[in-house]
Amino acid sequence: RAGDDTAVGFNLRGEELWSYTLPLGVHRNAALEPVTAGNLLGDATAQWVFAGADGTIHILSQQGELIDHFALGAAPSGLAVASLDGRSVLLVSLGDRVEAWRLSP
């Protein structure tokens, strides 16, 4: 839809499988890659993680279903899923610091 920022999932044939509307806007940090993926919840499958332009984080299943979303309170400059002490964490760079969150289902 016009005016929306939308995440879209496609299959290998280029057919749209799902879409999710993100908050409208422009990220403050032009170098930010606003999407990453990884197994944050310890499930059999990974999740999609999107940074919204309004400082929110949106976690979606592989099928594009919203699992959770929350506000950071600041504009992110980096986003990644990594392993820390054998558990998956969400890493978010926020200006002068990096925060790591362990999420549970």
PDB file of N, CA and C in Angstrom:
ATOM      1  N   ARG A   1       0.836  -1.185   0.000  1.00  0.00           N
ATOM      2  CA  ARG A   1       0.000   0.000   0.000  1.00  0.00           C
ATOM      3  C   ARG A   1       0.875   1.242   0.000  1.00  0.00           C
ATOM      4  N   ALA A   2       0.445   2.273  -0.662  1.00  0.00           N
ATOM      5  CA  ALA A   2       1.203   3.524  -0.725  1.00  0.00           C
ATOM      6  C   ALA A   2       1.340   4.113   0.674  1.00  0.00           C
ATOM      7  N   GLY A   3       2.546   4.565   1.008  1.00  0.00           N
ATOM      8  CA  GLY A   3       2.796   5.199   2.297  1.00  0.00           C
ATOM      9  C   GLY A   3       3.203   4.242   3.392  1.00  0.00           C
ATOM     10  N   ASP A   4       3.202   2.947   3.125  1.00  0.00           N
ATOM     11  CA  ASP A   4       3.594   1.965   4.127  1.00  0.00           C
ATOM     12  C   ASP A   4       5.032   1.520   3.918  1.00  0.00           C
ATOM     13  N   ASP A   5       5.691   1.154   4.998  1.00  0.00           N
ATOM     14  CA  ASP A   5       6.941   0.418   4.936  1.00  0.00           C
ATOM     15  C   ASP A   5       6.555  -1.020   5.223  1.00  0.00           C
ATOM     16  N   THR A   6       6.817  -1.912   4.292  1.00  0.00           N
ATOM     17  CA  THR A   6       6.320  -3.278   4.404  1.00  0.00           C
ATOM     18  C   THR A   6       7.432  -4.287   4.217  1.00  0.00           C
ATOM     19  N   ALA A   7       7.481  -5.264   5.117  1.00  0.00           N
ATOM     20  CA  ALA A   7       8.367  -6.415   4.964  1.00  0.00           C
ATOM     21  C   ALA A   7       7.585  -7.463   4.188  1.00  0.00           C
ATOM     22  N   VAL A   8       8.241  -8.102   3.227  1.00  0.00           N
ATOM     23  CA  VAL A   8       7.561  -9.079   2.377  1.00  0.00           C
ATOM     24  C   VAL A   8       8.404 -10.336   2.288  1.00  0.00           C
ATOM     25  N   GLY A   9       7.754 -11.497   2.443  1.00  0.00           N
ATOM     26  CA  GLY A   9       8.412 -12.788   2.272  1.00  0.00           C
ATOM     27  C   GLY A   9       8.032 -13.393   0.937  1.00  0.00           C
ATOM     28  N   PHE A  10       9.026 -13.938   0.224  1.00  0.00           N
ATOM     29  CA  PHE A  10       8.806 -14.550  -1.086  1.00  0.00           C
ATOM     30  C   PHE A  10       9.289 -15.995  -1.081  1.00  0.00           C
ATOM     31  N   ASN A  11       8.721 -16.821  -1.949  1.00  0.00           N
ATOM     32  CA  ASN A  11       9.257 -18.162  -2.146  1.00  0.00           C
ATOM     33  C   ASN A  11      10.302 -18.111  -3.267  1.00  0.00           C
ATOM     34  N   LEU A  12      10.887 -19.244  -3.603  1.00  0.00           N
ATOM     35  CA  LEU A  12      11.944 -19.279  -4.618  1.00  0.00           C
ATOM     36  C   LEU A  12      11.451 -18.935  -6.017  1.00  0.00           C
ATOM     37  N   ARG A  13      10.148 -18.994  -6.241  1.00  0.00           N
ATOM     38  CA  ARG A  13       9.578 -18.621  -7.543  1.00  0.00           C
ATOM     39  C   ARG A  13       9.233 -17.136  -7.606  1.00  0.00           C
ATOM     40  N   GLY A  14       9.502 -16.401  -6.523  1.00  0.00           N
ATOM     41  CA  GLY A  14       9.218 -14.973  -6.489  1.00  0.00           C
ATOM     42  C   GLY A  14       7.787 -14.637  -6.131  1.00  0.00           C
ATOM     43  N   GLU A  15       7.039 -15.621  -5.649  1.00  0.00           N
ATOM     44  CA  GLU A  15       5.648 -15.388  -5.261  1.00  0.00           C
ATOM     45  C   GLU A  15       5.599 -14.894  -3.815  1.00  0.00           C
ATOM     46  N   GLU A  16       4.758 -13.895  -3.576  1.00  0.00           N
ATOM     47  CA  GLU A  16       4.624 -13.357  -2.223  1.00  0.00           C
ATOM     48  C   GLU A  16       3.947 -14.376  -1.313  1.00  0.00           C
ATOM     49  N   LEU A  17       4.575 -14.636  -0.161  1.00  0.00           N
ATOM     50  CA  LEU A  17       4.026 -15.555   0.827  1.00  0.00           C
ATOM     51  C   LEU A  17       3.353 -14.820   1.981  1.00  0.00           C
ATOM     52  N   TRP A  18       3.910 -13.690   2.358  1.00  0.00           N
ATOM     53  CA  TRP A  18       3.366 -12.916   3.466  1.00  0.00           C
ATOM     54  C   TRP A  18       3.862 -11.481   3.382  1.00  0.00           C
ATOM     55  N   SER A  19       3.179 -10.586   4.103  1.00  0.00           N
ATOM     56  CA  SER A  19       3.633  -9.207   4.228  1.00  0.00           C
ATOM     57  C   SER A  19       3.291  -8.718   5.629  1.00  0.00           C
ATOM     58  N   TYR A  20       4.098  -7.769   6.101  1.00  0.00           N
ATOM     59  CA  TYR A  20       3.922  -7.214   7.440  1.00  0.00           C
ATOM     60  C   TYR A  20       4.223  -5.721   7.357  1.00  0.00           C
ATOM     61  N   THR A  21       3.301  -4.890   7.805  1.00  0.00           N
ATOM     62  CA  THR A  21       3.474  -3.442   7.753  1.00  0.00           C
ATOM     63  C   THR A  21       4.311  -2.971   8.942  1.00  0.00           C
ATOM     64  N   LEU A  22       5.386  -2.259   8.620  1.00  0.00           N
ATOM     65  CA  LEU A  22       6.276  -1.680   9.619  1.00  0.00           C
ATOM     66  C   LEU A  22       5.956  -0.204   9.791  1.00  0.00           C
ATOM     67  N   PRO A  23       6.399   0.408  10.893  1.00  0.00           N
ATOM     68  CA  PRO A  23       6.165   1.840  11.078  1.00  0.00           C
ATOM     69  C   PRO A  23       6.791   2.651   9.946  1.00  0.00           C
ATOM     70  N   LEU A  24       6.055   3.628   9.470  1.00  0.00           N
ATOM     71  CA  LEU A  24       6.499   4.484   8.384  1.00  0.00           C
ATOM     72  C   LEU A  24       7.609   5.406   8.860  1.00  0.00           C
ATOM     73  N   GLY A  25       8.603   5.607   8.017  1.00  0.00           N
ATOM     74  CA  GLY A  25       9.663   6.548   8.357  1.00  0.00           C
ATOM     75  C   GLY A  25      10.990   6.175   7.737  1.00  0.00           C
ATOM     76  N   VAL A  26      11.987   6.981   8.059  1.00  0.00           N
ATOM     77  CA  VAL A  26      13.344   6.775   7.574  1.00  0.00           C
ATOM     78  C   VAL A  26      14.240   6.559   8.785  1.00  0.00           C
ATOM     79  N   HIS A  27      15.084   5.549   8.726  1.00  0.00           N
ATOM     80  CA  HIS A  27      16.013   5.289   9.823  1.00  0.00           C
ATOM     81  C   HIS A  27      17.025   6.418   9.931  1.00  0.00           C
ATOM     82  N   ARG A  28      17.353   6.792  11.155  1.00  0.00           N
ATOM     83  CA  ARG A  28      18.314   7.880  11.387  1.00  0.00           C
ATOM     84  C   ARG A  28      19.710   7.514  10.900  1.00  0.00           C
ATOM     85  N   ASN A  29      20.054   6.244  11.006  1.00  0.00           N
ATOM     86  CA  ASN A  29      21.370   5.790  10.568  1.00  0.00           C
ATOM     87  C   ASN A  29      21.213   5.111   9.215  1.00  0.00           C
ATOM     88  N   ALA A  30      21.695   5.766   8.177  1.00  0.00           N
ATOM     89  CA  ALA A  30      21.540   5.243   6.814  1.00  0.00           C
ATOM     90  C   ALA A  30      22.277   3.926   6.607  1.00  0.00           C
ATOM     91  N   ALA A  31      23.272   3.620   7.441  1.00  0.00           N
ATOM     92  CA  ALA A  31      24.037   2.380   7.298  1.00  0.00           C
ATOM     93  C   ALA A  31      23.350   1.194   7.972  1.00  0.00           C
ATOM     94  N   LEU A  32      22.285   1.422   8.722  1.00  0.00           N
ATOM     95  CA  LEU A  32      21.588   0.342   9.420  1.00  0.00           C
ATOM     96  C   LEU A  32      20.970  -0.635   8.427  1.00  0.00           C
ATOM     97  N   GLU A  33      21.260  -1.914   8.586  1.00  0.00           N
ATOM     98  CA  GLU A  33      20.557  -2.969   7.852  1.00  0.00           C
ATOM     99  C   GLU A  33      19.374  -3.345   8.741  1.00  0.00           C
ATOM    100  N   PRO A  34      18.149  -2.946   8.386  1.00  0.00           N
ATOM    101  CA  PRO A  34      17.022  -3.062   9.306  1.00  0.00           C
ATOM    102  C   PRO A  34      16.397  -4.450   9.416  1.00  0.00           C
ATOM    103  N   VAL A  35      16.995  -5.449   8.812  1.00  0.00           N
ATOM    104  CA  VAL A  35      16.447  -6.799   8.913  1.00  0.00           C
ATOM    105  C   VAL A  35      17.581  -7.793   9.154  1.00  0.00           C
ATOM    106  N   THR A  36      17.293  -8.751  10.024  1.00  0.00           N
ATOM    107  CA  THR A  36      18.207  -9.862  10.264  1.00  0.00           C
ATOM    108  C   THR A  36      17.340 -11.077  10.596  1.00  0.00           C
ATOM    109  N   ALA A  37      17.968 -12.208  10.699  1.00  0.00           N
ATOM    110  CA  ALA A  37      17.240 -13.428  11.038  1.00  0.00           C
ATOM    111  C   ALA A  37      18.126 -14.304  11.903  1.00  0.00           C
ATOM    112  N   GLY A  38      17.507 -15.128  12.696  1.00  0.00           N
ATOM    113  CA  GLY A  38      18.236 -16.068  13.532  1.00  0.00           C
ATOM    114  C   GLY A  38      17.281 -16.767  14.469  1.00  0.00           C
ATOM    115  N   ASN A  39      17.771 -17.778  15.140  1.00  0.00           N
ATOM    116  CA  ASN A  39      16.943 -18.557  16.049  1.00  0.00           C
ATOM    117  C   ASN A  39      17.002 -17.947  17.439  1.00  0.00           C
ATOM    118  N   LEU A  40      16.205 -16.927  17.662  1.00  0.00           N
ATOM    119  CA  LEU A  40      16.174 -16.234  18.954  1.00  0.00           C
ATOM    120  C   LEU A  40      15.473 -17.019  20.041  1.00  0.00           C
ATOM    121  N   LEU A  41      14.510 -17.848  19.678  1.00  0.00           N
ATOM    122  CA  LEU A  41      13.633 -18.468  20.667  1.00  0.00           C
ATOM    123  C   LEU A  41      13.944 -19.936  20.937  1.00  0.00           C
ATOM    124  N   GLY A  42      14.981 -20.474  20.308  1.00  0.00           N
ATOM    125  CA  GLY A  42      15.321 -21.872  20.542  1.00  0.00           C
ATOM    126  C   GLY A  42      14.362 -22.838  19.873  1.00  0.00           C
ATOM    127  N   ASP A  43      13.566 -22.349  18.935  1.00  0.00           N
ATOM    128  CA  ASP A  43      12.634 -23.203  18.200  1.00  0.00           C
ATOM    129  C   ASP A  43      13.383 -24.002  17.140  1.00  0.00           C
ATOM    130  N   ALA A  44      12.654 -24.797  16.417  1.00  0.00           N
ATOM    131  CA  ALA A  44      13.245 -25.565  15.314  1.00  0.00           C
ATOM    132  C   ALA A  44      13.538 -24.666  14.114  1.00  0.00           C
ATOM    133  N   THR A  45      12.929 -23.483  14.076  1.00  0.00           N
ATOM    134  CA  THR A  45      13.118 -22.565  12.953  1.00  0.00           C
ATOM    135  C   THR A  45      13.574 -21.204  13.456  1.00  0.00           C
ATOM    136  N   ALA A  46      14.142 -20.431  12.563  1.00  0.00           N
ATOM    137  CA  ALA A  46      14.607 -19.083  12.892  1.00  0.00           C
ATOM    138  C   ALA A  46      13.454 -18.085  12.804  1.00  0.00           C
ATOM    139  N   GLN A  47      13.707 -16.892  13.288  1.00  0.00           N
ATOM    140  CA  GLN A  47      12.733 -15.814  13.230  1.00  0.00           C
ATOM    141  C   GLN A  47      13.337 -14.652  12.438  1.00  0.00           C
ATOM    142  N   TRP A  48      12.463 -13.820  11.879  1.00  0.00           N
ATOM    143  CA  TRP A  48      12.860 -12.576  11.232  1.00  0.00           C
ATOM    144  C   TRP A  48      12.836 -11.485  12.285  1.00  0.00           C
ATOM    145  N   VAL A  49      13.802 -10.570  12.235  1.00  0.00           N
ATOM    146  CA  VAL A  49      13.842  -9.437  13.161  1.00  0.00           C
ATOM    147  C   VAL A  49      13.974  -8.161  12.327  1.00  0.00           C
ATOM    148  N   PHE A  50      13.051  -7.230  12.524  1.00  0.00           N
ATOM    149  CA  PHE A  50      13.034  -5.978  11.778  1.00  0.00           C
ATOM    150  C   PHE A  50      13.133  -4.799  12.743  1.00  0.00           C
ATOM    151  N   ALA A  51      13.929  -3.809  12.371  1.00  0.00           N
ATOM    152  CA  ALA A  51      13.990  -2.556  13.114  1.00  0.00           C
ATOM    153  C   ALA A  51      13.049  -1.572  12.435  1.00  0.00           C
ATOM    154  N   GLY A  52      12.089  -1.042  13.187  1.00  0.00           N
ATOM    155  CA  GLY A  52      11.201  -0.024  12.656  1.00  0.00           C
ATOM    156  C   GLY A  52      11.871   1.340  12.708  1.00  0.00           C
ATOM    157  N   ALA A  53      11.489   2.221  11.817  1.00  0.00           N
ATOM    158  CA  ALA A  53      12.074   3.566  11.766  1.00  0.00           C
ATOM    159  C   ALA A  53      11.760   4.384  13.022  1.00  0.00           C
ATOM    160  N   ASP A  54      10.763   3.960  13.787  1.00  0.00           N
ATOM    161  CA  ASP A  54      10.380   4.672  15.010  1.00  0.00           C
ATOM    162  C   ASP A  54      11.094   4.147  16.251  1.00  0.00           C
ATOM    163  N   GLY A  55      12.104   3.284  16.079  1.00  0.00           N
ATOM    164  CA  GLY A  55      12.842   2.742  17.224  1.00  0.00           C
ATOM    165  C   GLY A  55      12.211   1.501  17.823  1.00  0.00           C
ATOM    166  N   THR A  56      11.365   0.825  17.073  1.00  0.00           N
ATOM    167  CA  THR A  56      10.762  -0.423  17.540  1.00  0.00           C
ATOM    168  C   THR A  56      11.451  -1.616  16.891  1.00  0.00           C
ATOM    169  N   ILE A  57      11.339  -2.769  17.550  1.00  0.00           N
ATOM    170  CA  ILE A  57      11.827  -4.038  17.035  1.00  0.00           C
ATOM    171  C   ILE A  57      10.621  -4.942  16.848  1.00  0.00           C
ATOM    172  N   HIS A  58      10.564  -5.636  15.704  1.00  0.00           N
ATOM    173  CA  HIS A  58       9.449  -6.523  15.368  1.00  0.00           C
ATOM    174  C   HIS A  58      10.033  -7.899  15.087  1.00  0.00           C
ATOM    175  N   ILE A  59       9.552  -8.910  15.807  1.00  0.00           N
ATOM    176  CA  ILE A  59      10.022 -10.283  15.634  1.00  0.00           C
ATOM    177  C   ILE A  59       8.894 -11.079  15.004  1.00  0.00           C
ATOM    178  N   LEU A  60       9.185 -11.675  13.844  1.00  0.00           N
ATOM    179  CA  LEU A  60       8.193 -12.431  13.088  1.00  0.00           C
ATOM    180  C   LEU A  60       8.658 -13.868  12.908  1.00  0.00           C
ATOM    181  N   SER A  61       7.698 -14.774  12.784  1.00  0.00           N
ATOM    182  CA  SER A  61       8.009 -16.160  12.456  1.00  0.00           C
ATOM    183  C   SER A  61       8.444 -16.243  10.994  1.00  0.00           C
ATOM    184  N   GLN A  62       8.935 -17.395  10.590  1.00  0.00           N
ATOM    185  CA  GLN A  62       9.298 -17.580   9.186  1.00  0.00           C
ATOM    186  C   GLN A  62       8.099 -17.406   8.268  1.00  0.00           C
ATOM    187  N   GLN A  63       6.900 -17.603   8.788  1.00  0.00           N
ATOM    188  CA  GLN A  63       5.679 -17.446   7.998  1.00  0.00           C
ATOM    189  C   GLN A  63       5.143 -16.018   8.035  1.00  0.00           C
ATOM    190  N   GLY A  64       5.902 -15.089   8.658  1.00  0.00           N
ATOM    191  CA  GLY A  64       5.491 -13.694   8.691  1.00  0.00           C
ATOM    192  C   GLY A  64       4.494 -13.344   9.774  1.00  0.00           C
ATOM    193  N   GLU A  65       4.293 -14.233  10.745  1.00  0.00           N
ATOM    194  CA  GLU A  65       3.361 -13.966  11.840  1.00  0.00           C
ATOM    195  C   GLU A  65       4.089 -13.227  12.954  1.00  0.00           C
ATOM    196  N   LEU A  66       3.472 -12.180  13.476  1.00  0.00           N
ATOM    197  CA  LEU A  66       4.075 -11.401  14.551  1.00  0.00           C
ATOM    198  C   LEU A  66       4.203 -12.258  15.808  1.00  0.00           C
ATOM    199  N   ILE A  67       5.413 -12.336  16.345  1.00  0.00           N
ATOM    200  CA  ILE A  67       5.664 -13.019  17.610  1.00  0.00           C
ATOM    201  C   ILE A  67       5.660 -12.000  18.743  1.00  0.00           C
ATOM    202  N   ASP A  68       6.376 -10.878  18.518  1.00  0.00           N
ATOM    203  CA  ASP A  68       6.439  -9.834  19.534  1.00  0.00           C
ATOM    204  C   ASP A  68       7.001  -8.564  18.904  1.00  0.00           C
ATOM    205  N   HIS A  69       6.771  -7.456  19.549  1.00  0.00           N
ATOM    206  CA  HIS A  69       7.398  -6.194  19.164  1.00  0.00           C
ATOM    207  C   HIS A  69       7.555  -5.350  20.419  1.00  0.00           C
ATOM    208  N   PHE A  70       8.571  -4.483  20.415  1.00  0.00           N
ATOM    209  CA  PHE A  70       8.817  -3.634  21.568  1.00  0.00           C
ATOM    210  C   PHE A  70       9.590  -2.397  21.124  1.00  0.00           C
ATOM    211  N   ALA A  71       9.535  -1.357  21.957  1.00  0.00           N
ATOM    212  CA  ALA A  71      10.215  -0.095  21.658  1.00  0.00           C
ATOM    213  C   ALA A  71      11.568  -0.066  22.351  1.00  0.00           C
ATOM    214  N   LEU A  72      12.575   0.421  21.634  1.00  0.00           N
ATOM    215  CA  LEU A  72      13.924   0.518  22.182  1.00  0.00           C
ATOM    216  C   LEU A  72      14.127   1.786  23.008  1.00  0.00           C
ATOM    217  N   GLY A  73      13.430   2.846  22.666  1.00  0.00           N
ATOM    218  CA  GLY A  73      13.627   4.117  23.331  1.00  0.00           C
ATOM    219  C   GLY A  73      14.752   4.937  22.716  1.00  0.00           C
ATOM    220  N   ALA A  74      15.361   4.418  21.654  1.00  0.00           N
ATOM    221  CA  ALA A  74      16.436   5.108  20.939  1.00  0.00           C
ATOM    222  C   ALA A  74      16.509   4.531  19.534  1.00  0.00           C
ATOM    223  N   ALA A  75      17.137   5.269  18.636  1.00  0.00           N
ATOM    224  CA  ALA A  75      17.282   4.808  17.252  1.00  0.00           C
ATOM    225  C   ALA A  75      18.452   3.830  17.163  1.00  0.00           C
ATOM    226  N   PRO A  76      18.228   2.622  16.641  1.00  0.00           N
ATOM    227  CA  PRO A  76      19.331   1.655  16.527  1.00  0.00           C
ATOM    228  C   PRO A  76      20.272   2.009  15.382  1.00  0.00           C
ATOM    229  N   SER A  77      21.531   1.624  15.551  1.00  0.00           N
ATOM    230  CA  SER A  77      22.503   1.786  14.468  1.00  0.00           C
ATOM    231  C   SER A  77      23.024   0.435  13.996  1.00  0.00           C
ATOM    232  N   GLY A  78      22.619  -0.632  14.665  1.00  0.00           N
ATOM    233  CA  GLY A  78      23.011  -1.978  14.268  1.00  0.00           C
ATOM    234  C   GLY A  78      22.076  -3.000  14.881  1.00  0.00           C
ATOM    235  N   LEU A  79      21.941  -4.147  14.206  1.00  0.00           N
ATOM    236  CA  LEU A  79      21.005  -5.186  14.615  1.00  0.00           C
ATOM    237  C   LEU A  79      21.561  -6.531  14.184  1.00  0.00           C
ATOM    238  N   ALA A  80      21.593  -7.506  15.111  1.00  0.00           N
ATOM    239  CA  ALA A  80      22.115  -8.835  14.766  1.00  0.00           C
ATOM    240  C   ALA A  80      21.576  -9.862  15.741  1.00  0.00           C
ATOM    241  N   VAL A  81      21.580 -11.117  15.295  1.00  0.00           N
ATOM    242  CA  VAL A  81      21.307 -12.258  16.160  1.00  0.00           C
ATOM    243  C   VAL A  81      22.624 -13.000  16.302  1.00  0.00           C
ATOM    244  N   ALA A  82      22.987 -13.323  17.543  1.00  0.00           N
ATOM    245  CA  ALA A  82      24.272 -13.975  17.794  1.00  0.00           C
ATOM    246  C   ALA A  82      24.118 -14.981  18.930  1.00  0.00           C
ATOM    247  N   SER A  83      25.176 -15.735  19.176  1.00  0.00           N
ATOM    248  CA  SER A  83      25.199 -16.695  20.274  1.00  0.00           C
ATOM    249  C   SER A  83      26.112 -16.162  21.373  1.00  0.00           C
ATOM    250  N   LEU A  84      25.637 -16.193  22.609  1.00  0.00           N
ATOM    251  CA  LEU A  84      26.392 -15.743  23.761  1.00  0.00           C
ATOM    252  C   LEU A  84      26.219 -16.781  24.860  1.00  0.00           C
ATOM    253  N   ASP A  85      27.313 -17.374  25.289  1.00  0.00           N
ATOM    254  CA  ASP A  85      27.269 -18.430  26.300  1.00  0.00           C
ATOM    255  C   ASP A  85      26.323 -19.557  25.897  1.00  0.00           C
ATOM    256  N   GLY A  86      26.323 -19.894  24.613  1.00  0.00           N
ATOM    257  CA  GLY A  86      25.519 -21.004  24.121  1.00  0.00           C
ATOM    258  C   GLY A  86      24.046 -20.696  23.918  1.00  0.00           C
ATOM    259  N   ARG A  87      23.632 -19.453  24.113  1.00  0.00           N
ATOM    260  CA  ARG A  87      22.231 -19.084  23.910  1.00  0.00           C
ATOM    261  C   ARG A  87      22.146 -17.956  22.906  1.00  0.00           C
ATOM    262  N   SER A  88      21.069 -17.948  22.139  1.00  0.00           N
ATOM    263  CA  SER A  88      20.870 -16.889  21.157  1.00  0.00           C
ATOM    264  C   SER A  88      20.493 -15.591  21.844  1.00  0.00           C
ATOM    265  N   VAL A  89      21.031 -14.494  21.326  1.00  0.00           N
ATOM    266  CA  VAL A  89      20.711 -13.165  21.842  1.00  0.00           C
ATOM    267  C   VAL A  89      20.450 -12.228  20.674  1.00  0.00           C
ATOM    268  N   LEU A  90      19.685 -11.198  20.944  1.00  0.00           N
ATOM    269  CA  LEU A  90      19.478 -10.118  19.997  1.00  0.00           C
ATOM    270  C   LEU A  90      20.441  -9.009  20.391  1.00  0.00           C
ATOM    271  N   LEU A  91      21.347  -8.653  19.482  1.00  0.00           N
ATOM    272  CA  LEU A  91      22.294  -7.570  19.705  1.00  0.00           C
ATOM    273  C   LEU A  91      21.779  -6.323  19.004  1.00  0.00           C
ATOM    274  N   VAL A  92      21.753  -5.213  19.739  1.00  0.00           N
ATOM    275  CA  VAL A  92      21.316  -3.943  19.167  1.00  0.00           C
ATOM    276  C   VAL A  92      22.333  -2.878  19.547  1.00  0.00           C
ATOM    277  N   SER A  93      22.865  -2.209  18.536  1.00  0.00           N
ATOM    278  CA  SER A  93      23.763  -1.092  18.753  1.00  0.00           C
ATOM    279  C   SER A  93      22.930   0.169  18.842  1.00  0.00           C
ATOM    280  N   LEU A  94      23.140   0.911  19.923  1.00  0.00           N
ATOM    281  CA  LEU A  94      22.383   2.137  20.180  1.00  0.00           C
ATOM    282  C   LEU A  94      23.372   3.274  20.436  1.00  0.00           C
ATOM    283  N   GLY A  95      23.898   3.845  19.377  1.00  0.00           N
ATOM    284  CA  GLY A  95      24.831   4.960  19.510  1.00  0.00           C
ATOM    285  C   GLY A  95      26.141   4.557  20.141  1.00  0.00           C
ATOM    286  N   ASP A  96      26.298   4.831  21.429  1.00  0.00           N
ATOM    287  CA  ASP A  96      27.559   4.588  22.123  1.00  0.00           C
ATOM    288  C   ASP A  96      27.608   3.275  22.891  1.00  0.00           C
ATOM    289  N   ARG A  97      26.622   2.413  22.700  1.00  0.00           N
ATOM    290  CA  ARG A  97      26.606   1.142  23.440  1.00  0.00           C
ATOM    291  C   ARG A  97      25.971   0.039  22.597  1.00  0.00           C
ATOM    292  N   VAL A  98      26.242  -1.199  23.013  1.00  0.00           N
ATOM    293  CA  VAL A  98      25.607  -2.365  22.411  1.00  0.00           C
ATOM    294  C   VAL A  98      24.897  -3.118  23.527  1.00  0.00           C
ATOM    295  N   GLU A  99      23.639  -3.445  23.294  1.00  0.00           N
ATOM    296  CA  GLU A  99      22.861  -4.202  24.273  1.00  0.00           C
ATOM    297  C   GLU A  99      22.559  -5.577  23.710  1.00  0.00           C
ATOM    298  N   ALA A 100      22.522  -6.566  24.602  1.00  0.00           N
ATOM    299  CA  ALA A 100      22.196  -7.943  24.215  1.00  0.00           C
ATOM    300  C   ALA A 100      21.006  -8.399  25.044  1.00  0.00           C
ATOM    301  N   TRP A 101      19.994  -8.923  24.354  1.00  0.00           N
ATOM    302  CA  TRP A 101      18.801  -9.423  25.045  1.00  0.00           C
ATOM    303  C   TRP A 101      18.613 -10.897  24.752  1.00  0.00           C
ATOM    304  N   ARG A 102      18.342 -11.662  25.792  1.00  0.00           N
ATOM    305  CA  ARG A 102      17.923 -13.050  25.640  1.00  0.00           C
ATOM    306  C   ARG A 102      16.409 -13.048  25.677  1.00  0.00           C
ATOM    307  N   LEU A 103      15.824 -13.659  24.684  1.00  0.00           N
ATOM    308  CA  LEU A 103      14.370 -13.709  24.564  1.00  0.00           C
ATOM    309  C   LEU A 103      13.904 -15.125  24.805  1.00  0.00           C
ATOM    310  N   SER A 104      12.728 -15.264  25.378  1.00  0.00           N
ATOM    311  CA  SER A 104      12.169 -16.601  25.572  1.00  0.00           C
ATOM    312  C   SER A 104      10.751 -16.621  25.027  1.00  0.00           C
ATOM    313  N   PRO A 105      10.325 -17.815  24.594  1.00  0.00           N
ATOM    314  CA  PRO A 105       8.982 -17.913  23.995  1.00  0.00           C
ATOM    315  C   PRO A 105       7.875 -17.608  24.997  1.00  0.00           C
TER     316      PRO A 105
END
